[in-house]
Amino acid sequence: MSTVGAGVVGTRTYFPREEYQKRLSALEAELTSHGYGAMVIWQRTGGSYDRAGDVYYLTSYASQSSGQELSAGASQLGRSFAALLVRVGEEPELHICEPAETVDMRLVAIERIVGHEQNLPAGLGARLRELGIEGKVAYLGEDFLPLQMHRALVEAAPGIEWIAEEYLLREIKSRKSELELDLYREAGSIAGRALTKLMEGLIKGERQCDAAADAADVIIRAGGGFQRIGAATGPASEYSMWDRPLYGYSDDRADPGDFVRGWVYGPILDGYWLDPGRSSVAGKPSPEAKKLIEDTVELTEAIMAEIRPGKTPREVGIFGDAKAEKLGYDASGGAIWDIYGHGLSTFWLGPFIPSHGAVGFEDDHGLWNVDSKYHDGQVYTVETFLQQPGVGMASFEEVFIVWEDDLEVVTDTPMLFW
């Protein structure tokens, strides 16, 4: 067990260490209420961001690995992964497949870092046996934990019955602290400025990669990061969200009259996710294109106006479907994702607003959770997609904080660029 540099733990995390300790205490209370004494939360951050969320939220830890590296048998099994062991009433332990001494303790919020340089699941299993942990143990990460690793863990700790609990953190992450809300205001300002730069460049007919570079410059100079800067121009944008899925942008440019779409997407500030987007036209829009874009803005803002504490995403989705139909768009709608919005934290967060059939939506009360009620201080998005064959697809996404009396929009980018 390493506590290298324990005296400086958390001195350079974005939030004070007390903020992370409150989150861990809330998780322990949740575990107790569900009858668990322990939980393992998995993370993958090497070369990617999408599965940093839960462990990063609790500890501020991210791997230094280049990616999910190949494993030959037991060699380096678990590189880029981490496992946070949380026991009720005990100090949490972070288990990694890297030398513990390489972790800068100023950047993490917990003291106990355990390095298993060759086999993370086997090392974690041995620690669980050492602690005498048996029976039901909750875990989070079933949707991305490699089967190879899970097999090794089961072999190393045969006395444990692993129970998938993918949503134990959801309500905790939904209830933002004042420090988190302030972060979202700052991150929203950064994302908004970046998105404005991106859209201005696309509308002028600049190459997508040049407009994306200007947007990225805003984010990086503010000390933030992103998963992708997304862009789409021309006829293909009627069906495709962005031109190059791997990066989000290509070296194409819009011709006068072409649809353009821009999205700023990812962990904008300290791992907290924002994904605002806009649509417009390069040069002067045709009457049909202008109407499609303005209708989509109207739909977006109308759905936002329906979101208040006490209402449910299903109710908002029913309203959105009716509003889209009133505007003259059928259920096909051009939606790439069949949602009208979602919560935010260190990645997307439920509940989601169902679209194109919200009345009869069958909820499993898991990821979607469409019958839960909105509450004050919830960070949320509304996103819309409307398609007119032969004209284009307009799509928008706005990020805001839910309050009883009004919504607090955090992304300051114009909806219309004319």
Protein backbone atom coordinates (compact mmCIF):
# COMPACT_ATOMS: atom_id res chain seq x y z
CA MET A 1 0.00 0.00 0.00
CA SER A 2 1.51 3.31 -1.07
CA THR A 3 0.76 6.70 0.43
CA VAL A 4 3.57 8.44 -1.41
CA GLY A 5 3.41 12.18 -0.86
CA ALA A 6 0.40 11.81 1.45
CA GLY A 7 1.09 15.18 3.03
CA VAL A 8 0.26 16.98 -0.22
CA VAL A 9 -2.79 14.92 -1.18
CA GLY A 10 -5.36 17.01 -3.02
CA THR A 11 -3.47 20.28 -2.92
CA ARG A 12 -3.82 20.77 -6.69
CA THR A 13 -7.22 19.20 -7.37
CA TYR A 14 -9.81 21.49 -8.92
CA PHE A 15 -12.05 21.25 -5.85
CA PRO A 16 -10.85 21.23 -2.25
CA ARG A 17 -10.37 17.75 -0.87
CA GLU A 18 -13.39 18.21 1.40
CA GLU A 19 -15.63 18.28 -1.69
CA TYR A 20 -14.52 14.77 -2.69
CA GLN A 21 -14.84 13.53 0.88
CA LYS A 22 -18.48 14.68 0.92
CA ARG A 23 -19.13 12.73 -2.26
CA LEU A 24 -17.54 9.59 -0.81
CA SER A 25 -19.58 9.97 2.38
CA ALA A 26 -22.76 10.27 0.32
CA LEU A 27 -21.82 7.10 -1.56
CA GLU A 28 -21.21 5.23 1.70
CA ALA A 29 -24.67 6.25 2.90
CA GLU A 30 -26.15 5.00 -0.37
CA LEU A 31 -24.31 1.69 -0.04
CA THR A 32 -25.59 1.25 3.52
CA SER A 33 -29.16 1.96 2.44
CA HIS A 34 -28.87 -0.79 -0.18
CA GLY A 35 -27.34 -3.28 2.26
CA TYR A 36 -23.78 -3.26 0.92
CA GLY A 37 -20.58 -3.04 2.91
CA ALA A 38 -18.30 -2.54 -0.08
CA MET A 39 -18.27 -1.48 -3.72
CA VAL A 40 -15.74 -1.47 -6.57
CA ILE A 41 -16.03 1.31 -9.15
CA TRP A 42 -14.16 0.86 -12.41
CA GLN A 43 -12.60 3.50 -14.63
CA ARG A 44 -10.85 3.56 -18.01
CA THR A 45 -8.97 6.75 -18.87
CA GLY A 46 -5.86 5.83 -20.84
CA GLY A 47 -6.13 7.60 -24.18
CA SER A 48 -9.82 8.33 -23.70
CA TYR A 49 -12.22 10.21 -21.53
CA ASP A 50 -15.64 8.59 -21.76
CA ARG A 51 -15.22 6.25 -18.78
CA ALA A 52 -13.32 8.59 -16.49
CA GLY A 53 -16.52 9.84 -14.96
CA ASP A 54 -17.28 8.04 -11.71
CA VAL A 55 -13.81 7.42 -10.31
CA TYR A 56 -12.67 10.86 -11.43
CA TYR A 57 -15.74 12.41 -9.77
CA LEU A 58 -14.83 10.73 -6.48
CA THR A 59 -11.02 10.98 -6.52
CA SER A 60 -9.78 13.26 -9.35
CA TYR A 61 -7.62 10.38 -10.65
CA ALA A 62 -6.83 9.73 -14.33
CA SER A 63 -4.37 7.24 -15.82
CA GLN A 64 -1.16 8.26 -17.58
CA SER A 65 -1.38 5.33 -20.02
CA SER A 66 -1.66 5.96 -23.75
CA GLY A 67 -4.74 3.80 -24.17
CA GLN A 68 -6.33 0.48 -23.38
CA GLU A 69 -3.12 -1.37 -24.02
CA LEU A 70 -3.03 -4.93 -25.32
CA SER A 71 -2.56 -7.65 -22.75
CA ALA A 72 -0.69 -10.88 -23.41
CA GLY A 73 -2.14 -13.24 -20.84
CA ALA A 74 -1.57 -11.67 -17.42
CA SER A 75 1.00 -9.14 -18.64
CA GLN A 76 -0.11 -5.57 -17.97
CA LEU A 77 -3.70 -6.71 -17.60
CA GLY A 78 -5.67 -3.58 -16.74
CA ARG A 79 -3.39 -0.87 -18.14
CA SER A 80 -5.35 2.42 -18.33
CA PHE A 81 -7.97 1.04 -15.92
CA ALA A 82 -8.45 1.82 -12.24
CA ALA A 83 -10.62 0.29 -9.54
CA LEU A 84 -11.81 2.32 -6.57
CA LEU A 85 -12.56 0.11 -3.56
CA VAL A 86 -15.04 1.81 -1.25
CA ARG A 87 -15.77 0.20 2.13
CA VAL A 88 -18.29 1.64 4.54
CA GLY A 89 -16.46 3.26 7.43
CA GLU A 90 -12.98 2.77 5.94
CA GLU A 91 -10.59 4.81 3.84
CA PRO A 92 -11.11 4.20 0.12
CA GLU A 93 -8.37 2.54 -1.90
CA LEU A 94 -7.50 3.22 -5.54
CA HIS A 95 -6.03 0.21 -7.36
CA ILE A 96 -4.18 0.85 -10.62
CA CYS A 97 -2.04 -1.04 -13.15
CA GLU A 98 0.84 1.43 -12.93
CA PRO A 99 3.48 2.06 -10.27
CA ALA A 100 1.85 3.91 -7.39
CA GLU A 101 4.95 6.12 -7.16
CA THR A 102 4.14 7.66 -10.55
CA VAL A 103 0.91 9.23 -9.27
CA ASP A 104 1.21 12.92 -8.45
CA MET A 105 -0.56 12.93 -5.10
CA ARG A 106 -1.28 16.64 -5.38
CA LEU A 107 -3.70 15.83 -8.20
CA VAL A 108 -5.74 13.16 -6.43
CA ALA A 109 -8.11 13.42 -3.47
CA ILE A 110 -7.38 10.14 -1.66
CA GLU A 111 -4.28 8.81 0.07
CA ARG A 112 -4.32 5.08 -0.56
CA ILE A 113 -3.00 4.20 -4.01
CA VAL A 114 -2.11 0.57 -4.74
CA GLY A 115 -0.08 -0.27 -7.83
CA HIS A 116 -0.43 -3.67 -9.52
CA GLU A 117 2.01 -3.32 -12.38
CA GLN A 118 1.23 -6.58 -14.18
CA ASN A 119 -2.32 -7.65 -13.29
CA LEU A 120 -4.82 -5.22 -11.83
CA PRO A 121 -7.78 -7.61 -11.33
CA ALA A 122 -5.61 -10.31 -9.74
CA GLY A 123 -4.05 -7.75 -7.41
CA LEU A 124 -7.41 -6.31 -6.46
CA GLY A 125 -8.78 -9.80 -5.86
CA ALA A 126 -5.86 -10.63 -3.57
CA ARG A 127 -6.53 -7.46 -1.58
CA LEU A 128 -10.21 -8.36 -1.22
CA ARG A 129 -9.20 -11.79 0.14
CA GLU A 130 -6.73 -10.15 2.51
CA LEU A 131 -9.51 -7.92 3.85
CA GLY A 132 -11.82 -10.92 4.29
CA ILE A 133 -14.46 -9.45 2.00
CA GLU A 134 -16.96 -12.06 0.84
CA GLY A 135 -20.60 -12.28 -0.19
CA LYS A 136 -22.40 -9.55 -2.07
CA VAL A 137 -20.25 -6.67 -3.29
CA ALA A 138 -21.58 -3.93 -5.57
CA TYR A 139 -19.69 -2.87 -8.65
CA LEU A 140 -20.06 -0.17 -11.29
CA GLY A 141 -18.64 -0.50 -14.77
CA GLU A 142 -20.25 -3.63 -16.17
CA ASP A 143 -20.87 -1.99 -19.53
CA PHE A 144 -17.16 -1.50 -20.30
CA LEU A 145 -15.14 -3.83 -18.04
CA PRO A 146 -13.37 -6.35 -20.32
CA LEU A 147 -14.41 -9.97 -19.88
CA GLN A 148 -10.72 -10.86 -19.65
CA MET A 149 -10.39 -8.70 -16.54
CA HIS A 150 -13.64 -9.84 -14.95
CA ARG A 151 -12.61 -13.50 -15.31
CA ALA A 152 -9.30 -12.78 -13.59
CA LEU A 153 -11.08 -10.94 -10.78
CA VAL A 154 -13.57 -13.75 -10.20
CA GLU A 155 -10.73 -16.29 -10.10
CA ALA A 156 -8.78 -14.15 -7.61
CA ALA A 157 -11.73 -13.52 -5.28
CA PRO A 158 -14.03 -16.57 -5.58
CA GLY A 159 -15.93 -15.81 -2.38
CA ILE A 160 -17.54 -12.66 -3.76
CA GLU A 161 -20.91 -12.39 -5.47
CA TRP A 162 -20.60 -9.39 -7.76
CA ILE A 163 -23.79 -7.31 -8.05
CA ALA A 164 -23.96 -4.73 -10.86
CA GLU A 165 -25.17 -1.39 -9.50
CA GLU A 166 -24.76 1.04 -12.39
CA TYR A 167 -26.89 3.85 -10.93
CA LEU A 168 -25.92 4.17 -7.26
CA LEU A 169 -24.05 7.40 -8.00
CA ARG A 170 -26.68 8.94 -10.28
CA GLU A 171 -28.65 10.88 -7.68
CA ILE A 172 -25.48 11.98 -5.88
CA LYS A 173 -24.02 13.33 -9.13
CA SER A 174 -27.31 15.00 -10.02
CA ARG A 175 -27.34 17.06 -6.79
CA LYS A 176 -24.67 19.63 -7.62
CA SER A 177 -22.79 21.54 -4.96
CA GLU A 178 -22.34 25.30 -5.29
CA LEU A 179 -18.74 24.66 -6.33
CA GLU A 180 -19.92 22.40 -9.15
CA LEU A 181 -22.46 24.95 -10.33
CA ASP A 182 -19.76 27.61 -10.41
CA LEU A 183 -17.60 25.24 -12.46
CA TYR A 184 -20.45 24.75 -14.92
CA ARG A 185 -20.88 28.49 -15.29
CA GLU A 186 -17.20 28.85 -16.12
CA ALA A 187 -17.18 25.80 -18.38
CA GLY A 188 -20.31 27.05 -20.14
CA SER A 189 -18.65 30.36 -20.86
CA ILE A 190 -15.62 28.57 -22.33
CA ALA A 191 -17.74 26.21 -24.43
CA GLY A 192 -19.96 29.05 -25.58
CA ARG A 193 -17.04 31.14 -26.80
CA ALA A 194 -15.54 28.13 -28.54
CA LEU A 195 -18.81 27.22 -30.25
CA THR A 196 -19.28 30.80 -31.45
CA LYS A 197 -15.80 30.73 -33.02
CA LEU A 198 -16.53 27.40 -34.65
CA MET A 199 -19.85 28.53 -36.14
CA GLU A 200 -18.47 31.85 -37.37
CA GLY A 201 -15.70 30.03 -39.23
CA LEU A 202 -18.02 27.45 -40.79
CA ILE A 203 -20.49 30.13 -41.89
CA LYS A 204 -17.67 32.08 -43.57
CA GLY A 205 -16.75 29.00 -45.58
CA GLU A 206 -13.52 28.24 -43.75
CA ARG A 207 -12.24 24.67 -43.76
CA GLN A 208 -13.81 22.67 -40.94
CA CYS A 209 -10.37 21.91 -39.49
CA ASP A 210 -9.46 25.61 -39.38
CA ALA A 211 -12.72 26.56 -37.68
CA ALA A 212 -12.25 23.67 -35.24
CA ALA A 213 -8.70 24.84 -34.49
CA ASP A 214 -10.00 28.28 -33.53
CA ALA A 215 -12.58 26.69 -31.25
CA ALA A 216 -10.01 24.38 -29.68
CA ASP A 217 -7.72 27.36 -29.10
CA VAL A 218 -10.38 28.96 -26.89
CA ILE A 219 -10.79 25.81 -24.79
CA ILE A 220 -7.11 24.98 -24.42
CA ARG A 221 -6.10 28.54 -23.54
CA ALA A 222 -8.73 28.45 -20.79
CA GLY A 223 -7.06 25.33 -19.36
CA GLY A 224 -9.78 22.96 -20.53
CA GLY A 225 -10.15 20.00 -22.84
CA PHE A 226 -12.56 18.33 -25.23
CA GLN A 227 -13.40 14.98 -26.72
CA ARG A 228 -14.13 16.31 -30.21
CA ILE A 229 -14.90 19.50 -32.06
CA GLY A 230 -17.71 18.36 -34.35
CA ALA A 231 -18.54 19.87 -37.73
CA ALA A 232 -20.64 18.97 -40.76
CA THR A 233 -21.24 20.93 -43.95
CA GLY A 234 -23.06 20.44 -47.22
CA PRO A 235 -25.55 17.78 -48.36
CA ALA A 236 -24.08 14.98 -46.21
CA SER A 237 -24.98 16.95 -43.08
CA GLU A 238 -28.63 16.05 -43.70
CA TYR A 239 -27.87 12.53 -42.48
CA SER A 240 -24.47 12.57 -40.78
CA MET A 241 -23.78 14.24 -37.45
CA TRP A 242 -20.19 15.17 -38.35
CA ASP A 243 -17.98 14.65 -41.34
CA ARG A 244 -15.19 12.59 -39.79
CA PRO A 245 -16.46 10.54 -36.83
CA LEU A 246 -12.97 9.81 -35.48
CA TYR A 247 -12.01 13.48 -35.12
CA GLY A 248 -15.28 15.33 -35.70
CA TYR A 249 -14.06 17.56 -38.54
CA SER A 250 -12.59 17.24 -42.03
CA ASP A 251 -10.76 19.63 -44.35
CA ASP A 252 -13.97 20.34 -46.31
CA ARG A 253 -15.55 23.77 -46.41
CA ALA A 254 -19.15 24.88 -46.97
CA ASP A 255 -20.26 26.37 -50.27
CA PRO A 256 -22.63 29.37 -50.19
CA GLY A 257 -26.10 28.17 -49.20
CA ASP A 258 -24.86 24.94 -47.56
CA PHE A 259 -26.05 23.83 -44.15
CA VAL A 260 -23.37 23.95 -41.47
CA ARG A 261 -23.41 22.37 -38.03
CA GLY A 262 -21.00 22.77 -35.13
CA TRP A 263 -20.69 21.00 -31.80
CA VAL A 264 -18.30 21.50 -28.88
CA TYR A 265 -18.22 18.21 -27.12
CA GLY A 266 -16.53 16.75 -24.08
CA PRO A 267 -14.83 17.36 -20.71
CA ILE A 268 -14.58 21.11 -21.10
CA LEU A 269 -13.33 21.90 -17.59
CA ASP A 270 -11.92 19.49 -14.98
CA GLY A 271 -13.63 16.53 -16.59
CA TYR A 272 -17.13 18.01 -16.51
CA TRP A 273 -19.07 17.38 -19.69
CA LEU A 274 -20.76 19.97 -21.90
CA ASP A 275 -21.99 19.42 -25.46
CA PRO A 276 -23.68 22.54 -26.93
CA GLY A 277 -24.39 22.64 -30.66
CA ARG A 278 -25.73 24.98 -33.33
CA SER A 279 -26.83 24.90 -36.97
CA SER A 280 -26.80 27.60 -39.62
CA VAL A 281 -26.12 28.22 -43.30
CA ALA A 282 -23.02 29.47 -45.08
CA GLY A 283 -23.91 32.79 -46.65
CA LYS A 284 -27.55 33.63 -47.30
CA PRO A 285 -30.04 30.85 -46.40
CA SER A 286 -32.82 29.80 -48.73
CA PRO A 287 -36.36 30.41 -47.40
CA GLU A 288 -36.72 26.67 -46.78
CA ALA A 289 -33.45 26.42 -44.87
CA LYS A 290 -34.23 29.54 -42.84
CA LYS A 291 -37.61 28.12 -41.82
CA LEU A 292 -36.17 24.73 -40.86
CA ILE A 293 -33.51 26.30 -38.65
CA GLU A 294 -35.90 28.77 -37.03
CA ASP A 295 -38.43 25.99 -36.41
CA THR A 296 -35.74 23.96 -34.66
CA VAL A 297 -34.82 26.93 -32.48
CA GLU A 298 -38.50 27.38 -31.60
CA LEU A 299 -38.76 23.69 -30.70
CA THR A 300 -35.60 23.87 -28.57
CA GLU A 301 -36.70 26.92 -26.62
CA ALA A 302 -40.26 25.64 -26.17
CA ILE A 303 -39.01 22.36 -24.66
CA MET A 304 -36.64 24.25 -22.38
CA ALA A 305 -39.53 26.38 -21.12
CA GLU A 306 -41.31 23.20 -20.00
CA ILE A 307 -38.51 22.06 -17.68
CA ARG A 308 -39.10 23.00 -14.06
CA PRO A 309 -38.69 21.24 -10.69
CA GLY A 310 -41.52 18.77 -10.16
CA LYS A 311 -42.03 17.95 -13.84
CA THR A 312 -40.77 14.72 -15.37
CA PRO A 313 -38.77 14.08 -18.56
CA ARG A 314 -41.66 12.00 -19.90
CA GLU A 315 -44.00 14.98 -19.57
CA VAL A 316 -41.49 17.19 -21.32
CA GLY A 317 -41.02 14.58 -24.06
CA ILE A 318 -44.77 14.39 -24.65
CA PHE A 319 -44.83 18.16 -25.02
CA GLY A 320 -41.86 18.05 -27.40
CA ASP A 321 -43.51 15.46 -29.63
CA ALA A 322 -46.70 17.53 -29.81
CA LYS A 323 -44.75 20.71 -30.53
CA ALA A 324 -42.75 19.07 -33.34
CA GLU A 325 -45.96 17.78 -34.89
CA LYS A 326 -47.56 21.23 -34.62
CA LEU A 327 -44.56 22.67 -36.47
CA GLY A 328 -45.19 20.17 -39.25
CA TYR A 329 -42.56 17.50 -38.61
CA ASP A 330 -43.44 13.82 -38.28
CA ALA A 331 -42.00 11.19 -35.98
CA SER A 332 -39.07 10.47 -38.29
CA GLY A 333 -37.91 13.97 -37.48
CA GLY A 334 -34.31 13.47 -38.50
CA ALA A 335 -33.29 12.57 -34.97
CA ILE A 336 -29.85 10.99 -34.76
CA TRP A 337 -30.47 10.28 -31.07
CA ASP A 338 -34.06 9.76 -29.97
CA ILE A 339 -33.87 12.13 -27.05
CA TYR A 340 -34.73 15.76 -26.37
CA GLY A 341 -32.09 16.18 -23.66
CA HIS A 342 -30.19 14.68 -20.74
CA GLY A 343 -28.47 15.46 -17.48
CA LEU A 344 -24.78 16.31 -17.14
CA SER A 345 -21.95 15.60 -14.74
CA THR A 346 -18.61 14.01 -15.59
CA PHE A 347 -20.37 12.51 -18.63
CA TRP A 348 -24.00 12.24 -19.73
CA LEU A 349 -26.29 11.58 -16.80
CA GLY A 350 -29.88 10.43 -16.56
CA PRO A 351 -32.69 11.16 -16.68
CA PHE A 352 -33.14 11.47 -20.44
CA ILE A 353 -36.06 13.11 -22.23
CA PRO A 354 -37.64 10.57 -24.62
CA SER A 355 -38.58 11.79 -28.09
CA HIS A 356 -40.71 10.48 -30.95
CA GLY A 357 -43.00 8.34 -28.80
CA ALA A 358 -42.67 9.68 -25.27
CA VAL A 359 -46.26 8.74 -24.35
CA GLY A 360 -45.65 5.01 -24.73
CA PHE A 361 -41.97 4.95 -23.81
CA GLU A 362 -41.18 1.85 -21.75
CA ASP A 363 -38.80 2.89 -19.00
CA ASP A 364 -36.56 0.36 -17.28
CA HIS A 365 -35.84 2.94 -14.51
CA GLY A 366 -32.18 2.56 -15.30
CA LEU A 367 -30.34 4.89 -17.65
CA TRP A 368 -33.41 6.79 -18.88
CA ASN A 369 -35.40 7.14 -15.63
CA VAL A 370 -37.96 9.28 -17.47
CA ASP A 371 -40.50 9.44 -14.62
CA SER A 372 -38.16 11.01 -12.08
CA LYS A 373 -38.76 14.66 -11.23
CA TYR A 374 -36.52 17.60 -12.01
CA HIS A 375 -35.06 19.47 -9.05
CA ASP A 376 -33.42 22.80 -8.33
CA GLY A 377 -29.76 23.05 -9.29
CA GLN A 378 -29.87 20.22 -11.85
CA VAL A 379 -27.53 20.72 -14.81
CA TYR A 380 -29.32 19.68 -17.97
CA THR A 381 -29.50 19.97 -21.75
CA VAL A 382 -32.15 20.20 -24.42
CA GLU A 383 -31.19 18.95 -27.87
CA THR A 384 -33.35 18.84 -30.99
CA PHE A 385 -33.05 17.50 -34.53
CA LEU A 386 -35.46 18.36 -37.35
CA GLN A 387 -34.98 17.18 -40.90
CA GLN A 388 -36.50 18.35 -44.16
CA PRO A 389 -35.57 16.01 -47.04
CA GLY A 390 -33.65 17.87 -49.72
CA VAL A 391 -33.22 20.90 -47.46
CA GLY A 392 -31.11 19.65 -44.58
CA MET A 393 -31.10 18.77 -40.92
CA ALA A 394 -31.07 21.43 -38.23
CA SER A 395 -29.92 20.53 -34.74
CA PHE A 396 -29.29 22.50 -31.58
CA GLU A 397 -28.25 21.79 -28.02
CA GLU A 398 -28.31 24.16 -25.06
CA VAL A 399 -26.90 23.65 -21.54
CA PHE A 400 -28.55 25.18 -18.47
CA ILE A 401 -29.18 24.94 -14.74
CA VAL A 402 -32.75 24.16 -13.63
CA TRP A 403 -34.33 26.54 -11.12
CA GLU A 404 -37.88 26.92 -9.83
CA ASP A 405 -38.39 30.39 -11.29
CA ASP A 406 -36.32 30.12 -14.50
CA LEU A 407 -33.53 28.33 -16.34
CA GLU A 408 -29.97 29.63 -16.09
CA VAL A 409 -28.37 29.13 -19.51
CA VAL A 410 -24.61 28.63 -19.19
CA THR A 411 -23.61 28.42 -22.88
CA ASP A 412 -23.57 31.96 -24.27
CA THR A 413 -23.71 31.30 -28.03
CA PRO A 414 -26.32 32.86 -30.35
CA MET A 415 -29.02 30.49 -31.51
CA LEU A 416 -29.32 32.27 -34.84
CA PHE A 417 -26.47 33.76 -36.86
CA TRP A 418 -28.55 36.11 -38.99
